[in-house]
Every structure is written in C-alpha cells, then in structure tokens.
Amino acid sequence: MKRVFELVQQCSWEEVWEALAVLYPSQVKSKAGYCRVFRKIPDIVPKLTDQQLMTRECIKEEISERGSCEEGMRLDFLPDNDVFILDESTPASEHYSLLYVPWPELIGLKVPDLHNSRYGPAGIVAHCLYEMTFDGYSEKKVDWVRWKAAKDHISSKRHHRILKRNYFRKYCRFSL
C-alpha cells in the first residue's frame, strides 16, 4: 500500500493532466492552476496517517463481484464523492470528503493497491488534485473557504453534508 505523495513522485505532470482531463473534462480550463499545485506537492511535508484514500468505483466493483468488500462497506453507505477518506480508527469506519483535508494530511493518506491498480498513480493524483483544489489553488485560499463555510454554515448539499458530521471541528484551523 503506497501513500499519495509516493504516487506523485511516480508520475509526470503530463500523465496527471491527461488523467485529470479524462476524469474531470470540465476542468480543462484550469490547467495552469492544477499545474502550480502539482509542482508544489513535493515541497509539502506529508503528515502520515492510517486513514485510506478510497475510490467509489473500486468499492462498487468489489461489492458487485463479491457481495461485500474488505472495508465492510455496503453500497447504500457509499458517499457521493468519487474519492473519499476511510477512517478505520473510528468505531463505524467513518468516511469523509477530501474537500477540506489539510494538504499535508491528504498527501500522507494510504492508497490501497486495488485503487492504485484501477486508476494508476496518475489517476489517483488527478482525483486528489481535483478534490484538494475544489475551492482554490492555494492552501491559504482553501483554508479561508473552509473557515467561511464553517462560519456561515453554507447550505449547499456538498458543504452541508460535511458540516453535519462536524467535519470542520476536526479540520478547521480557524476558530469560530
């Protein structure tokens, strides 16, 4: 099982961009922003964690083939996100969006071999880039959006789901 930062080291920007354009075709206009963030990742010191990066499609395939999956997840409990974090340290094996995870923690996530073999290093990195830059192309901007969302209790479906789980209490660096 590798970590996200190890997968970043295995692929070039061109490979990641190609995967990103296939997985998220609407993001083609944002190539420069994604490139800047990709080039910054090697300078970020990863925070190693036991949490795992999971992909919805791999879990669905595993469940349909075997009726269940190693992680014990069922189809009706899968989050809407394409990629998510499985936290096995919690009693119910909670899963979270990557949306507001601090970048050092995100690049320190474990990636199960099944997911890595399905998407390849460039595909996993493309998924991570999309999620980590959803609200901006710098950590400072994403932190500000996280703080603002927590403060204003944004009611959009995606943000509301995170607020409901008190996700901001775990990841928000700003006081409310």
N, C-alpha and C. Protein backbone atom coordinates (compact mmCIF):
# COMPACT_ATOMS: atom_id res chain seq x y z
N MET A 1 0.85 -1.17 0.00
CA MET A 1 0.00 0.00 0.00
C MET A 1 0.90 1.24 0.00
N LYS A 2 0.70 2.08 -0.97
CA LYS A 2 1.50 3.30 -1.08
C LYS A 2 0.73 4.49 -0.55
N ARG A 3 1.44 5.59 -0.43
CA ARG A 3 0.83 6.84 0.02
C ARG A 3 0.74 7.80 -1.17
N VAL A 4 -0.12 8.78 -1.05
CA VAL A 4 -0.36 9.71 -2.16
C VAL A 4 0.93 10.38 -2.59
N PHE A 5 1.76 10.85 -1.64
CA PHE A 5 2.98 11.55 -2.03
C PHE A 5 3.95 10.65 -2.80
N GLU A 6 3.92 9.35 -2.52
CA GLU A 6 4.76 8.40 -3.28
C GLU A 6 4.24 8.26 -4.71
N LEU A 7 2.92 8.30 -4.88
CA LEU A 7 2.35 8.21 -6.22
C LEU A 7 2.67 9.48 -7.02
N VAL A 8 2.70 10.63 -6.34
CA VAL A 8 3.07 11.88 -7.02
C VAL A 8 4.48 11.77 -7.59
N GLN A 9 5.38 11.16 -6.84
CA GLN A 9 6.77 11.01 -7.27
C GLN A 9 6.90 10.07 -8.48
N GLN A 10 5.92 9.21 -8.68
CA GLN A 10 5.99 8.22 -9.76
C GLN A 10 5.47 8.73 -11.10
N CYS A 11 4.85 9.88 -11.12
CA CYS A 11 4.24 10.31 -12.39
C CYS A 11 4.63 11.73 -12.76
N SER A 12 4.54 12.01 -14.03
CA SER A 12 4.87 13.34 -14.55
C SER A 12 3.60 14.19 -14.59
N TRP A 13 3.79 15.49 -14.74
CA TRP A 13 2.67 16.40 -14.87
C TRP A 13 1.82 16.03 -16.08
N GLU A 14 2.44 15.67 -17.18
CA GLU A 14 1.71 15.35 -18.41
C GLU A 14 0.77 14.15 -18.18
N GLU A 15 1.25 13.13 -17.46
CA GLU A 15 0.41 11.95 -17.17
C GLU A 15 -0.77 12.33 -16.28
N VAL A 16 -0.50 13.15 -15.29
CA VAL A 16 -1.56 13.58 -14.37
C VAL A 16 -2.58 14.43 -15.11
N TRP A 17 -2.10 15.34 -15.95
CA TRP A 17 -3.02 16.20 -16.69
C TRP A 17 -3.90 15.38 -17.62
N GLU A 18 -3.32 14.40 -18.26
CA GLU A 18 -4.10 13.54 -19.16
C GLU A 18 -5.21 12.82 -18.38
N ALA A 19 -4.87 12.29 -17.21
CA ALA A 19 -5.86 11.60 -16.38
C ALA A 19 -6.92 12.58 -15.87
N LEU A 20 -6.49 13.76 -15.46
CA LEU A 20 -7.42 14.77 -14.96
C LEU A 20 -8.42 15.19 -16.04
N ALA A 21 -7.93 15.36 -17.26
CA ALA A 21 -8.81 15.77 -18.37
C ALA A 21 -9.84 14.69 -18.70
N VAL A 22 -9.48 13.43 -18.49
CA VAL A 22 -10.42 12.33 -18.74
C VAL A 22 -11.43 12.22 -17.59
N LEU A 23 -10.93 12.27 -16.34
CA LEU A 23 -11.81 12.10 -15.17
C LEU A 23 -12.71 13.31 -14.93
N TYR A 24 -12.20 14.50 -15.21
CA TYR A 24 -12.94 15.74 -14.96
C TYR A 24 -12.83 16.66 -16.17
N PRO A 25 -13.50 16.34 -17.27
CA PRO A 25 -13.35 17.11 -18.51
C PRO A 25 -13.74 18.58 -18.38
N SER A 26 -14.59 18.91 -17.44
CA SER A 26 -14.99 20.32 -17.27
C SER A 26 -13.86 21.18 -16.70
N GLN A 27 -12.79 20.55 -16.25
CA GLN A 27 -11.70 21.28 -15.61
C GLN A 27 -10.56 21.66 -16.55
N VAL A 28 -10.72 21.40 -17.84
CA VAL A 28 -9.66 21.67 -18.82
C VAL A 28 -9.21 23.13 -18.78
N LYS A 29 -10.13 24.02 -18.51
CA LYS A 29 -9.79 25.46 -18.48
C LYS A 29 -8.89 25.83 -17.30
N SER A 30 -8.74 24.94 -16.33
CA SER A 30 -7.98 25.25 -15.11
C SER A 30 -6.60 24.60 -15.09
N LYS A 31 -6.06 24.28 -16.25
CA LYS A 31 -4.79 23.56 -16.33
C LYS A 31 -3.66 24.26 -15.57
N ALA A 32 -3.53 25.56 -15.70
CA ALA A 32 -2.43 26.29 -15.05
C ALA A 32 -2.50 26.17 -13.53
N GLY A 33 -3.69 26.28 -12.97
CA GLY A 33 -3.86 26.16 -11.51
C GLY A 33 -3.47 24.79 -11.01
N TYR A 34 -3.95 23.76 -11.71
CA TYR A 34 -3.61 22.40 -11.32
C TYR A 34 -2.10 22.15 -11.44
N CYS A 35 -1.48 22.68 -12.47
CA CYS A 35 -0.05 22.51 -12.68
C CYS A 35 0.73 23.15 -11.52
N ARG A 36 0.33 24.35 -11.10
CA ARG A 36 1.01 25.01 -9.98
C ARG A 36 0.94 24.16 -8.72
N VAL A 37 -0.24 23.63 -8.42
CA VAL A 37 -0.40 22.83 -7.21
C VAL A 37 0.39 21.53 -7.32
N PHE A 38 0.35 20.88 -8.48
CA PHE A 38 1.11 19.64 -8.67
C PHE A 38 2.60 19.88 -8.41
N ARG A 39 3.12 20.98 -8.89
CA ARG A 39 4.54 21.29 -8.72
C ARG A 39 4.89 21.66 -7.27
N LYS A 40 3.90 22.08 -6.47
CA LYS A 40 4.12 22.40 -5.06
C LYS A 40 4.13 21.16 -4.17
N ILE A 41 3.46 20.11 -4.59
CA ILE A 41 3.28 18.94 -3.73
C ILE A 41 4.61 18.37 -3.21
N PRO A 42 5.66 18.25 -4.01
CA PRO A 42 6.92 17.71 -3.45
C PRO A 42 7.51 18.56 -2.32
N ASP A 43 7.14 19.83 -2.23
CA ASP A 43 7.64 20.70 -1.17
C ASP A 43 6.84 20.60 0.12
N ILE A 44 5.69 19.93 0.07
CA ILE A 44 4.83 19.79 1.24
C ILE A 44 5.32 18.58 2.05
N VAL A 45 5.49 18.77 3.33
CA VAL A 45 5.89 17.67 4.21
C VAL A 45 4.63 16.88 4.56
N PRO A 46 4.56 15.60 4.13
CA PRO A 46 3.33 14.84 4.38
C PRO A 46 3.14 14.51 5.86
N LYS A 47 1.89 14.52 6.27
CA LYS A 47 1.53 14.07 7.61
C LYS A 47 1.00 12.65 7.46
N LEU A 48 1.77 11.68 7.91
CA LEU A 48 1.39 10.29 7.75
C LEU A 48 0.23 9.94 8.67
N THR A 49 -0.72 9.23 8.12
CA THR A 49 -1.93 8.86 8.85
C THR A 49 -2.30 7.43 8.49
N ASP A 50 -3.14 6.81 9.29
CA ASP A 50 -3.63 5.46 8.99
C ASP A 50 -4.86 5.50 8.11
N GLN A 51 -5.37 6.69 7.83
CA GLN A 51 -6.56 6.81 7.00
C GLN A 51 -6.22 6.43 5.56
N GLN A 52 -7.23 5.92 4.85
CA GLN A 52 -7.03 5.45 3.48
C GLN A 52 -7.86 6.26 2.49
N LEU A 53 -7.28 6.50 1.34
CA LEU A 53 -8.00 7.11 0.23
C LEU A 53 -8.74 6.01 -0.51
N MET A 54 -10.02 6.19 -0.70
CA MET A 54 -10.83 5.18 -1.37
C MET A 54 -11.49 5.79 -2.61
N THR A 55 -11.76 4.96 -3.59
CA THR A 55 -12.48 5.42 -4.78
C THR A 55 -13.82 4.69 -4.85
N ARG A 56 -14.84 5.44 -5.11
CA ARG A 56 -16.21 4.91 -5.16
C ARG A 56 -16.33 3.76 -6.17
N GLU A 57 -15.76 3.93 -7.34
CA GLU A 57 -15.89 2.90 -8.38
C GLU A 57 -15.26 1.57 -7.97
N CYS A 58 -14.10 1.60 -7.33
CA CYS A 58 -13.46 0.35 -6.90
C CYS A 58 -14.27 -0.35 -5.83
N ILE A 59 -14.82 0.40 -4.91
CA ILE A 59 -15.65 -0.20 -3.86
C ILE A 59 -16.90 -0.82 -4.49
N LYS A 60 -17.53 -0.10 -5.44
CA LYS A 60 -18.72 -0.64 -6.11
C LYS A 60 -18.38 -1.93 -6.86
N GLU A 61 -17.25 -1.96 -7.56
CA GLU A 61 -16.85 -3.16 -8.29
C GLU A 61 -16.62 -4.33 -7.34
N GLU A 62 -15.93 -4.06 -6.24
CA GLU A 62 -15.64 -5.12 -5.29
C GLU A 62 -16.92 -5.66 -4.66
N ILE A 63 -17.85 -4.78 -4.33
CA ILE A 63 -19.12 -5.21 -3.74
C ILE A 63 -19.93 -6.02 -4.76
N SER A 64 -19.98 -5.58 -6.01
CA SER A 64 -20.77 -6.31 -7.01
C SER A 64 -20.15 -7.66 -7.34
N GLU A 65 -18.83 -7.78 -7.28
CA GLU A 65 -18.17 -9.06 -7.57
C GLU A 65 -18.30 -10.06 -6.43
N ARG A 66 -18.13 -9.57 -5.19
CA ARG A 66 -18.08 -10.48 -4.05
C ARG A 66 -19.26 -10.36 -3.10
N GLY A 67 -20.11 -9.35 -3.30
CA GLY A 67 -21.22 -9.14 -2.39
C GLY A 67 -20.86 -8.26 -1.21
N SER A 68 -19.57 -8.07 -0.98
CA SER A 68 -19.10 -7.20 0.09
C SER A 68 -17.69 -6.76 -0.27
N CYS A 69 -17.10 -5.98 0.58
CA CYS A 69 -15.72 -5.58 0.34
C CYS A 69 -14.93 -5.67 1.64
N GLU A 70 -13.62 -5.68 1.53
CA GLU A 70 -12.76 -5.82 2.70
C GLU A 70 -13.04 -4.75 3.74
N GLU A 71 -13.36 -3.56 3.29
CA GLU A 71 -13.57 -2.46 4.21
C GLU A 71 -14.92 -2.56 4.94
N GLY A 72 -15.74 -3.54 4.57
CA GLY A 72 -17.02 -3.73 5.22
C GLY A 72 -18.09 -2.73 4.82
N MET A 73 -17.87 -2.04 3.72
CA MET A 73 -18.84 -1.03 3.29
C MET A 73 -19.93 -1.67 2.45
N ARG A 74 -21.11 -1.09 2.50
CA ARG A 74 -22.20 -1.53 1.65
C ARG A 74 -22.52 -0.42 0.67
N LEU A 75 -23.14 -0.77 -0.45
CA LEU A 75 -23.45 0.23 -1.48
C LEU A 75 -24.28 1.38 -0.95
N ASP A 76 -25.23 1.09 -0.07
CA ASP A 76 -26.09 2.16 0.42
C ASP A 76 -25.38 3.12 1.38
N PHE A 77 -24.16 2.75 1.82
CA PHE A 77 -23.40 3.63 2.70
C PHE A 77 -22.28 4.37 1.97
N LEU A 78 -22.14 4.16 0.68
CA LEU A 78 -21.07 4.84 -0.05
C LEU A 78 -21.38 6.32 -0.18
N PRO A 79 -20.37 7.16 0.05
CA PRO A 79 -20.60 8.60 -0.14
C PRO A 79 -20.76 8.93 -1.61
N ASP A 80 -21.25 10.13 -1.90
CA ASP A 80 -21.46 10.57 -3.27
C ASP A 80 -20.15 10.92 -3.98
N ASN A 81 -19.13 11.23 -3.22
CA ASN A 81 -17.87 11.67 -3.80
C ASN A 81 -17.19 10.55 -4.59
N ASP A 82 -16.43 10.94 -5.64
CA ASP A 82 -15.66 9.95 -6.40
C ASP A 82 -14.56 9.34 -5.55
N VAL A 83 -13.93 10.16 -4.74
CA VAL A 83 -12.90 9.69 -3.82
C VAL A 83 -13.24 10.19 -2.42
N PHE A 84 -12.84 9.43 -1.42
CA PHE A 84 -13.14 9.80 -0.05
C PHE A 84 -12.12 9.16 0.87
N ILE A 85 -12.15 9.55 2.13
CA ILE A 85 -11.23 9.02 3.13
C ILE A 85 -12.00 8.05 4.00
N LEU A 86 -11.42 6.89 4.22
CA LEU A 86 -11.98 5.91 5.14
C LEU A 86 -11.16 5.99 6.41
N ASP A 87 -11.82 6.30 7.52
CA ASP A 87 -11.14 6.41 8.80
C ASP A 87 -11.45 5.17 9.61
N GLU A 88 -10.54 4.21 9.61
CA GLU A 88 -10.76 2.95 10.30
C GLU A 88 -10.54 3.05 11.80
N SER A 89 -10.05 4.20 12.27
CA SER A 89 -9.82 4.36 13.70
C SER A 89 -11.11 4.66 14.45
N THR A 90 -12.18 4.98 13.71
CA THR A 90 -13.46 5.26 14.35
C THR A 90 -14.30 3.98 14.38
N PRO A 91 -15.18 3.85 15.36
CA PRO A 91 -15.95 2.60 15.51
C PRO A 91 -16.77 2.23 14.28
N ALA A 92 -17.34 3.18 13.58
CA ALA A 92 -18.21 2.87 12.45
C ALA A 92 -17.49 3.00 11.11
N SER A 93 -16.18 2.99 11.11
CA SER A 93 -15.41 3.19 9.88
C SER A 93 -15.98 4.36 9.07
N GLU A 94 -15.93 5.53 9.67
CA GLU A 94 -16.48 6.72 9.03
C GLU A 94 -15.70 7.05 7.76
N HIS A 95 -16.39 7.71 6.86
CA HIS A 95 -15.72 8.19 5.65
C HIS A 95 -16.01 9.67 5.48
N TYR A 96 -15.00 10.36 4.92
CA TYR A 96 -15.04 11.81 4.80
C TYR A 96 -14.68 12.23 3.39
N SER A 97 -15.12 13.41 3.04
CA SER A 97 -14.72 14.03 1.79
C SER A 97 -13.27 14.50 1.91
N LEU A 98 -12.57 14.57 0.79
CA LEU A 98 -11.23 15.13 0.79
C LEU A 98 -11.26 16.65 0.70
N LEU A 99 -12.45 17.20 0.53
CA LEU A 99 -12.61 18.61 0.22
C LEU A 99 -11.83 19.55 1.12
N TYR A 100 -11.89 19.38 2.43
CA TYR A 100 -11.24 20.33 3.33
C TYR A 100 -10.11 19.72 4.15
N VAL A 101 -9.60 18.61 3.72
CA VAL A 101 -8.50 17.99 4.43
C VAL A 101 -7.24 18.81 4.18
N PRO A 102 -6.49 19.15 5.22
CA PRO A 102 -5.24 19.88 5.01
C PRO A 102 -4.33 19.11 4.05
N TRP A 103 -3.68 19.84 3.17
CA TRP A 103 -2.89 19.21 2.12
C TRP A 103 -1.81 18.26 2.64
N PRO A 104 -1.09 18.59 3.72
CA PRO A 104 -0.09 17.62 4.21
C PRO A 104 -0.71 16.28 4.62
N GLU A 105 -1.91 16.36 5.19
CA GLU A 105 -2.60 15.13 5.59
C GLU A 105 -3.10 14.36 4.36
N LEU A 106 -3.59 15.09 3.38
CA LEU A 106 -4.10 14.44 2.16
C LEU A 106 -2.99 13.67 1.43
N ILE A 107 -1.82 14.28 1.31
CA ILE A 107 -0.75 13.58 0.58
C ILE A 107 -0.12 12.46 1.41
N GLY A 108 -0.46 12.41 2.71
CA GLY A 108 0.03 11.33 3.56
C GLY A 108 -0.92 10.16 3.66
N LEU A 109 -2.06 10.22 2.97
CA LEU A 109 -3.05 9.13 3.01
C LEU A 109 -2.50 7.87 2.36
N LYS A 110 -2.93 6.73 2.87
CA LYS A 110 -2.60 5.44 2.25
C LYS A 110 -3.53 5.21 1.07
N VAL A 111 -3.02 4.55 0.03
CA VAL A 111 -3.84 4.20 -1.13
C VAL A 111 -3.80 2.68 -1.30
N PRO A 112 -4.92 1.99 -1.07
CA PRO A 112 -4.93 0.53 -1.23
C PRO A 112 -4.55 0.14 -2.67
N ASP A 113 -3.90 -1.00 -2.80
CA ASP A 113 -3.42 -1.47 -4.10
C ASP A 113 -4.53 -1.60 -5.13
N LEU A 114 -5.72 -2.03 -4.71
CA LEU A 114 -6.85 -2.18 -5.63
C LEU A 114 -7.15 -0.86 -6.34
N HIS A 115 -7.16 0.22 -5.59
CA HIS A 115 -7.49 1.53 -6.15
C HIS A 115 -6.35 2.04 -7.03
N ASN A 116 -5.13 1.80 -6.58
CA ASN A 116 -3.96 2.21 -7.36
C ASN A 116 -3.90 1.46 -8.69
N SER A 117 -4.19 0.17 -8.67
CA SER A 117 -4.12 -0.61 -9.92
C SER A 117 -5.26 -0.23 -10.88
N ARG A 118 -6.40 0.18 -10.34
CA ARG A 118 -7.54 0.55 -11.19
C ARG A 118 -7.29 1.87 -11.92
N TYR A 119 -6.77 2.86 -11.20
CA TYR A 119 -6.59 4.20 -11.77
C TYR A 119 -5.15 4.51 -12.14
N GLY A 120 -4.20 3.81 -11.55
CA GLY A 120 -2.79 4.11 -11.76
C GLY A 120 -2.39 5.33 -10.94
N PRO A 121 -1.10 5.53 -10.75
CA PRO A 121 -0.64 6.68 -9.96
C PRO A 121 -1.18 8.01 -10.48
N ALA A 122 -1.16 8.22 -11.78
CA ALA A 122 -1.61 9.50 -12.35
C ALA A 122 -3.11 9.71 -12.09
N GLY A 123 -3.90 8.67 -12.17
CA GLY A 123 -5.34 8.78 -11.92
C GLY A 123 -5.64 9.12 -10.47
N ILE A 124 -4.94 8.48 -9.54
CA ILE A 124 -5.14 8.77 -8.12
C ILE A 124 -4.73 10.21 -7.82
N VAL A 125 -3.58 10.63 -8.36
CA VAL A 125 -3.12 12.00 -8.14
C VAL A 125 -4.10 13.00 -8.77
N ALA A 126 -4.65 12.67 -9.93
CA ALA A 126 -5.64 13.55 -10.57
C ALA A 126 -6.88 13.71 -9.69
N HIS A 127 -7.37 12.61 -9.13
CA HIS A 127 -8.51 12.68 -8.21
C HIS A 127 -8.18 13.58 -7.03
N CYS A 128 -6.99 13.41 -6.46
CA CYS A 128 -6.59 14.22 -5.30
C CYS A 128 -6.47 15.69 -5.66
N LEU A 129 -5.85 15.98 -6.80
CA LEU A 129 -5.72 17.38 -7.23
C LEU A 129 -7.08 18.04 -7.38
N TYR A 130 -8.02 17.33 -7.98
CA TYR A 130 -9.36 17.89 -8.17
C TYR A 130 -9.99 18.22 -6.82
N GLU A 131 -9.94 17.29 -5.88
CA GLU A 131 -10.57 17.50 -4.58
C GLU A 131 -9.86 18.57 -3.77
N MET A 132 -8.53 18.53 -3.76
CA MET A 132 -7.81 19.47 -2.90
C MET A 132 -7.86 20.90 -3.42
N THR A 133 -8.16 21.09 -4.71
CA THR A 133 -8.23 22.44 -5.28
C THR A 133 -9.66 22.86 -5.60
N PHE A 134 -10.64 22.14 -5.09
CA PHE A 134 -12.04 22.43 -5.42
C PHE A 134 -12.40 23.88 -5.09
N ASP A 135 -11.85 24.42 -4.00
CA ASP A 135 -12.17 25.79 -3.59
C ASP A 135 -11.00 26.74 -3.75
N GLY A 136 -9.96 26.37 -4.48
CA GLY A 136 -8.85 27.29 -4.70
C GLY A 136 -7.56 26.54 -4.99
N TYR A 137 -6.61 27.28 -5.52
CA TYR A 137 -5.33 26.67 -5.93
C TYR A 137 -4.20 26.99 -4.97
N SER A 138 -4.54 27.36 -3.73
CA SER A 138 -3.53 27.52 -2.69
C SER A 138 -4.15 27.06 -1.38
N GLU A 139 -3.30 26.58 -0.47
CA GLU A 139 -3.80 26.13 0.81
C GLU A 139 -4.44 27.27 1.59
N LYS A 140 -3.87 28.45 1.46
CA LYS A 140 -4.41 29.61 2.17
C LYS A 140 -5.84 29.91 1.72
N LYS A 141 -6.08 29.85 0.42
CA LYS A 141 -7.42 30.09 -0.12
C LYS A 141 -8.40 29.01 0.36
N VAL A 142 -7.98 27.75 0.33
CA VAL A 142 -8.84 26.66 0.77
C VAL A 142 -9.14 26.78 2.26
N ASP A 143 -8.14 27.16 3.06
CA ASP A 143 -8.37 27.38 4.49
C ASP A 143 -9.39 28.49 4.72
N TRP A 144 -9.30 29.56 3.94
CA TRP A 144 -10.24 30.67 4.08
C TRP A 144 -11.65 30.21 3.74
N VAL A 145 -11.80 29.46 2.66
CA VAL A 145 -13.12 28.96 2.27
C VAL A 145 -13.66 28.01 3.34
N ARG A 146 -12.79 27.17 3.89
CA ARG A 146 -13.20 26.25 4.96
C ARG A 146 -13.71 27.04 6.16
N TRP A 147 -12.96 28.05 6.55
CA TRP A 147 -13.37 28.88 7.69
C TRP A 147 -14.69 29.58 7.39
N LYS A 148 -14.83 30.15 6.19
CA LYS A 148 -16.04 30.86 5.82
C LYS A 148 -17.24 29.90 5.78
N ALA A 149 -17.04 28.71 5.26
CA ALA A 149 -18.13 27.73 5.20
C ALA A 149 -18.58 27.35 6.60
N ALA A 150 -17.63 27.15 7.49
CA ALA A 150 -17.98 26.80 8.86
C ALA A 150 -18.69 27.96 9.54
N LYS A 151 -18.21 29.16 9.30
CA LYS A 151 -18.79 30.35 9.94
C LYS A 151 -20.19 30.63 9.42
N ASP A 152 -20.36 30.57 8.13
CA ASP A 152 -21.64 30.92 7.53
C ASP A 152 -22.61 29.74 7.42
N HIS A 153 -22.14 28.55 7.72
CA HIS A 153 -22.96 27.35 7.59
C HIS A 153 -23.61 27.27 6.21
N ILE A 154 -22.76 27.26 5.22
CA ILE A 154 -23.23 27.20 3.84
C ILE A 154 -24.19 26.03 3.68
N SER A 155 -25.28 26.26 2.95
CA SER A 155 -26.31 25.24 2.86
C SER A 155 -26.24 24.39 1.59
N SER A 156 -25.20 24.58 0.80
CA SER A 156 -25.13 23.74 -0.39
C SER A 156 -25.03 22.28 0.04
N LYS A 157 -25.51 21.40 -0.78
CA LYS A 157 -25.58 19.98 -0.43
C LYS A 157 -24.22 19.42 -0.03
N ARG A 158 -23.19 19.74 -0.79
CA ARG A 158 -21.86 19.18 -0.52
C ARG A 158 -21.29 19.72 0.79
N HIS A 159 -21.41 21.00 1.02
CA HIS A 159 -20.87 21.58 2.25
C HIS A 159 -21.71 21.17 3.46
N HIS A 160 -23.03 21.09 3.29
CA HIS A 160 -23.91 20.75 4.40
C HIS A 160 -23.61 19.35 4.93
N ARG A 161 -23.34 18.42 4.06
CA ARG A 161 -23.05 17.05 4.45
C ARG A 161 -21.81 17.02 5.35
N ILE A 162 -20.83 17.83 5.03
CA ILE A 162 -19.61 17.87 5.83
C ILE A 162 -19.88 18.53 7.18
N LEU A 163 -20.64 19.62 7.17
CA LEU A 163 -20.97 20.30 8.43
C LEU A 163 -21.73 19.37 9.36
N LYS A 164 -22.64 18.59 8.79
CA LYS A 164 -23.48 17.70 9.58
C LYS A 164 -22.63 16.71 10.39
N ARG A 165 -21.50 16.32 9.87
CA ARG A 165 -20.64 15.35 10.56
C ARG A 165 -19.61 16.02 11.46
N ASN A 166 -19.76 17.31 11.68
CA ASN A 166 -18.79 18.06 12.48
C ASN A 166 -17.39 17.95 11.92
N TYR A 167 -17.31 17.81 10.62
CA TYR A 167 -16.02 17.65 9.97
C TYR A 167 -15.12 18.86 10.17
N PHE A 168 -15.75 20.04 10.24
CA PHE A 168 -14.96 21.25 10.40
C PHE A 168 -14.27 21.28 11.76
N ARG A 169 -14.90 20.71 12.75
CA ARG A 169 -14.28 20.71 14.07
C ARG A 169 -12.96 19.94 14.04
N LYS A 170 -12.88 18.94 13.20
CA LYS A 170 -11.66 18.14 13.10
C LYS A 170 -10.59 18.84 12.27
N TYR A 171 -10.99 19.51 11.19
CA TYR A 171 -10.01 20.02 10.24
C TYR A 171 -9.86 21.53 10.17
N CYS A 172 -10.76 22.28 10.75
CA CYS A 172 -10.69 23.74 10.61
C CYS A 172 -9.59 24.29 11.51
N ARG A 173 -8.68 25.04 10.95
CA ARG A 173 -7.59 25.62 11.71
C ARG A 173 -7.95 26.97 12.31
N PHE A 174 -9.09 27.52 11.91
CA PHE A 174 -9.53 28.81 12.40
C PHE A 174 -10.54 28.61 13.50
N SER A 175 -10.60 29.55 14.44
CA SER A 175 -11.61 29.43 15.49
C SER A 175 -12.91 30.09 15.01
N LEU A 176 -14.00 29.53 15.41
CA LEU A 176 -15.31 30.05 15.01
C LEU A 176 -15.84 31.03 16.03
